[in-house]
Amino acid sequence: MKQNQTGSGDEEMLDEYDFSNGIRGKYVSRFNKGSNIIVLDPDVAEIFTSSESVNNALRGIADIIRNEINKHNPADRRANGGFR
């Protein structure tokens, strides 16, 4: 079995796997059309272990921001279309 570029072998990869006819990036366009890939730092990833947990946390923060904007600038919010 070949080693990867860093020099360490991947114990999960079996010798009988054959990617010689594989097409690099064949499905990458699917990720570009509706996904926004974000890399979390390891300490953050320990807490937010799924896309759903990250999205829920960000929605909660967005609600707080909306409430603060409405509380402090209700006229500005209406004039500028608000925070969505």
C-alpha atoms as a PDB file:
ATOM      1  CA  MET A   1       0.000   0.000   0.000  1.00  0.00           C
ATOM      2  CA  LYS A   2       1.302   3.460  -0.889  1.00  0.00           C
ATOM      3  CA  GLN A   3       1.742   6.096   1.781  1.00  0.00           C
ATOM      4  CA  ASN A   4       0.217   9.533   1.504  1.00  0.00           C
ATOM      5  CA  GLN A   5       2.301  12.678   0.904  1.00  0.00           C
ATOM      6  CA  THR A   6       2.936  13.293   4.596  1.00  0.00           C
ATOM      7  CA  GLY A   7       4.578   9.886   4.860  1.00  0.00           C
ATOM      8  CA  SER A   8       2.087   8.202   7.177  1.00  0.00           C
ATOM      9  CA  GLY A   9       0.010   5.243   6.021  1.00  0.00           C
ATOM     10  CA  ASP A  10      -3.770   5.249   6.256  1.00  0.00           C
ATOM     11  CA  GLU A  11      -4.797   2.159   8.206  1.00  0.00           C
ATOM     12  CA  GLU A  12      -8.403   2.491   6.978  1.00  0.00           C
ATOM     13  CA  MET A  13      -7.445   2.088   3.308  1.00  0.00           C
ATOM     14  CA  LEU A  14      -7.285  -1.530   2.186  1.00  0.00           C
ATOM     15  CA  ASP A  15      -4.908  -2.752  -0.520  1.00  0.00           C
ATOM     16  CA  GLU A  16      -7.784  -4.010  -2.670  1.00  0.00           C
ATOM     17  CA  TYR A  17      -9.252  -0.514  -3.118  1.00  0.00           C
ATOM     18  CA  ASP A  18      -8.554   0.575  -6.689  1.00  0.00           C
ATOM     19  CA  PHE A  19      -8.981   4.239  -7.576  1.00  0.00           C
ATOM     20  CA  SER A  20      -6.841   4.118 -10.721  1.00  0.00           C
ATOM     21  CA  ASN A  21      -9.875   4.841 -12.923  1.00  0.00           C
ATOM     22  CA  GLY A  22     -11.375   7.407 -10.558  1.00  0.00           C
ATOM     23  CA  ILE A  23     -12.196  10.930 -11.679  1.00  0.00           C
ATOM     24  CA  ARG A  24     -10.884  13.611  -9.359  1.00  0.00           C
ATOM     25  CA  GLY A  25     -13.536  16.165  -8.409  1.00  0.00           C
ATOM     26  CA  LYS A  26     -16.375  14.331 -10.138  1.00  0.00           C
ATOM     27  CA  TYR A  27     -18.971  15.427  -7.571  1.00  0.00           C
ATOM     28  CA  VAL A  28     -17.410  18.653  -6.306  1.00  0.00           C
ATOM     29  CA  SER A  29     -19.901  20.831  -8.216  1.00  0.00           C
ATOM     30  CA  ARG A  30     -22.677  19.472  -5.986  1.00  0.00           C
ATOM     31  CA  PHE A  31     -21.022  21.103  -3.006  1.00  0.00           C
ATOM     32  CA  ASN A  32     -20.635  24.431  -4.774  1.00  0.00           C
ATOM     33  CA  LYS A  33     -24.340  24.729  -5.553  1.00  0.00           C
ATOM     34  CA  GLY A  34     -25.964  25.339  -2.203  1.00  0.00           C
ATOM     35  CA  SER A  35     -23.299  24.593   0.323  1.00  0.00           C
ATOM     36  CA  ASN A  36     -21.015  26.933   2.130  1.00  0.00           C
ATOM     37  CA  ILE A  37     -18.171  24.900   3.572  1.00  0.00           C
ATOM     38  CA  ILE A  38     -16.706  26.332   6.765  1.00  0.00           C
ATOM     39  CA  VAL A  39     -13.798  24.799   8.665  1.00  0.00           C
ATOM     40  CA  LEU A  40     -14.197  24.932  12.428  1.00  0.00           C
ATOM     41  CA  ASP A  41     -11.255  25.132  14.783  1.00  0.00           C
ATOM     42  CA  PRO A  42     -10.854  21.909  16.773  1.00  0.00           C
ATOM     43  CA  ASP A  43     -12.028  23.430  20.077  1.00  0.00           C
ATOM     44  CA  VAL A  44     -15.212  24.726  18.431  1.00  0.00           C
ATOM     45  CA  ALA A  45     -15.796  21.428  16.602  1.00  0.00           C
ATOM     46  CA  GLU A  46     -15.792  19.631  19.969  1.00  0.00           C
ATOM     47  CA  ILE A  47     -18.874  21.629  20.960  1.00  0.00           C
ATOM     48  CA  PHE A  48     -20.657  21.874  17.597  1.00  0.00           C
ATOM     49  CA  THR A  49     -20.518  18.348  16.241  1.00  0.00           C
ATOM     50  CA  SER A  50     -23.003  18.717  13.371  1.00  0.00           C
ATOM     51  CA  SER A  51     -24.190  21.220  10.784  1.00  0.00           C
ATOM     52  CA  GLU A  52     -27.506  21.340  12.592  1.00  0.00           C
ATOM     53  CA  SER A  53     -25.902  22.400  15.896  1.00  0.00           C
ATOM     54  CA  VAL A  54     -23.901  25.157  14.194  1.00  0.00           C
ATOM     55  CA  ASN A  55     -26.944  26.423  12.291  1.00  0.00           C
ATOM     56  CA  ASN A  56     -29.111  26.417  15.424  1.00  0.00           C
ATOM     57  CA  ALA A  57     -26.485  28.392  17.352  1.00  0.00           C
ATOM     58  CA  LEU A  58     -26.114  30.934  14.547  1.00  0.00           C
ATOM     59  CA  ARG A  59     -29.890  31.315  14.254  1.00  0.00           C
ATOM     60  CA  GLY A  60     -30.047  32.028  17.987  1.00  0.00           C
ATOM     61  CA  ILE A  61     -27.329  34.658  17.685  1.00  0.00           C
ATOM     62  CA  ALA A  62     -29.104  36.167  14.660  1.00  0.00           C
ATOM     63  CA  ASP A  63     -32.314  36.454  16.713  1.00  0.00           C
ATOM     64  CA  ILE A  64     -30.405  38.303  19.441  1.00  0.00           C
ATOM     65  CA  ILE A  65     -28.934  40.684  16.861  1.00  0.00           C
ATOM     66  CA  ARG A  66     -32.374  41.298  15.322  1.00  0.00           C
ATOM     67  CA  ASN A  67     -33.863  42.037  18.747  1.00  0.00           C
ATOM     68  CA  GLU A  68     -31.063  44.475  19.588  1.00  0.00           C
ATOM     69  CA  ILE A  69     -31.440  46.276  16.261  1.00  0.00           C
ATOM     70  CA  ASN A  70     -35.208  46.536  16.762  1.00  0.00           C
ATOM     71  CA  LYS A  71     -34.791  47.720  20.333  1.00  0.00           C
ATOM     72  CA  HIS A  72     -32.310  50.482  19.527  1.00  0.00           C
ATOM     73  CA  ASN A  73     -33.245  51.565  15.998  1.00  0.00           C
ATOM     74  CA  PRO A  74     -36.854  50.656  15.172  1.00  0.00           C
ATOM     75  CA  ALA A  75     -37.243  53.601  12.729  1.00  0.00           C
ATOM     76  CA  ASP A  76     -33.945  52.827  10.962  1.00  0.00           C
ATOM     77  CA  ARG A  77     -34.938  49.187  10.649  1.00  0.00           C
ATOM     78  CA  ARG A  78     -38.228  50.009   8.943  1.00  0.00           C
ATOM     79  CA  ALA A  79     -36.609  52.544   6.606  1.00  0.00           C
ATOM     80  CA  ASN A  80     -33.811  50.215   5.506  1.00  0.00           C
ATOM     81  CA  GLY A  81     -35.792  47.015   5.107  1.00  0.00           C
ATOM     82  CA  GLY A  82     -34.638  45.465   8.355  1.00  0.00           C
ATOM     83  CA  PHE A  83     -32.176  42.765   9.257  1.00  0.00           C
ATOM     84  CA  ARG A  84     -33.087  39.424   7.741  1.00  0.00           C
END
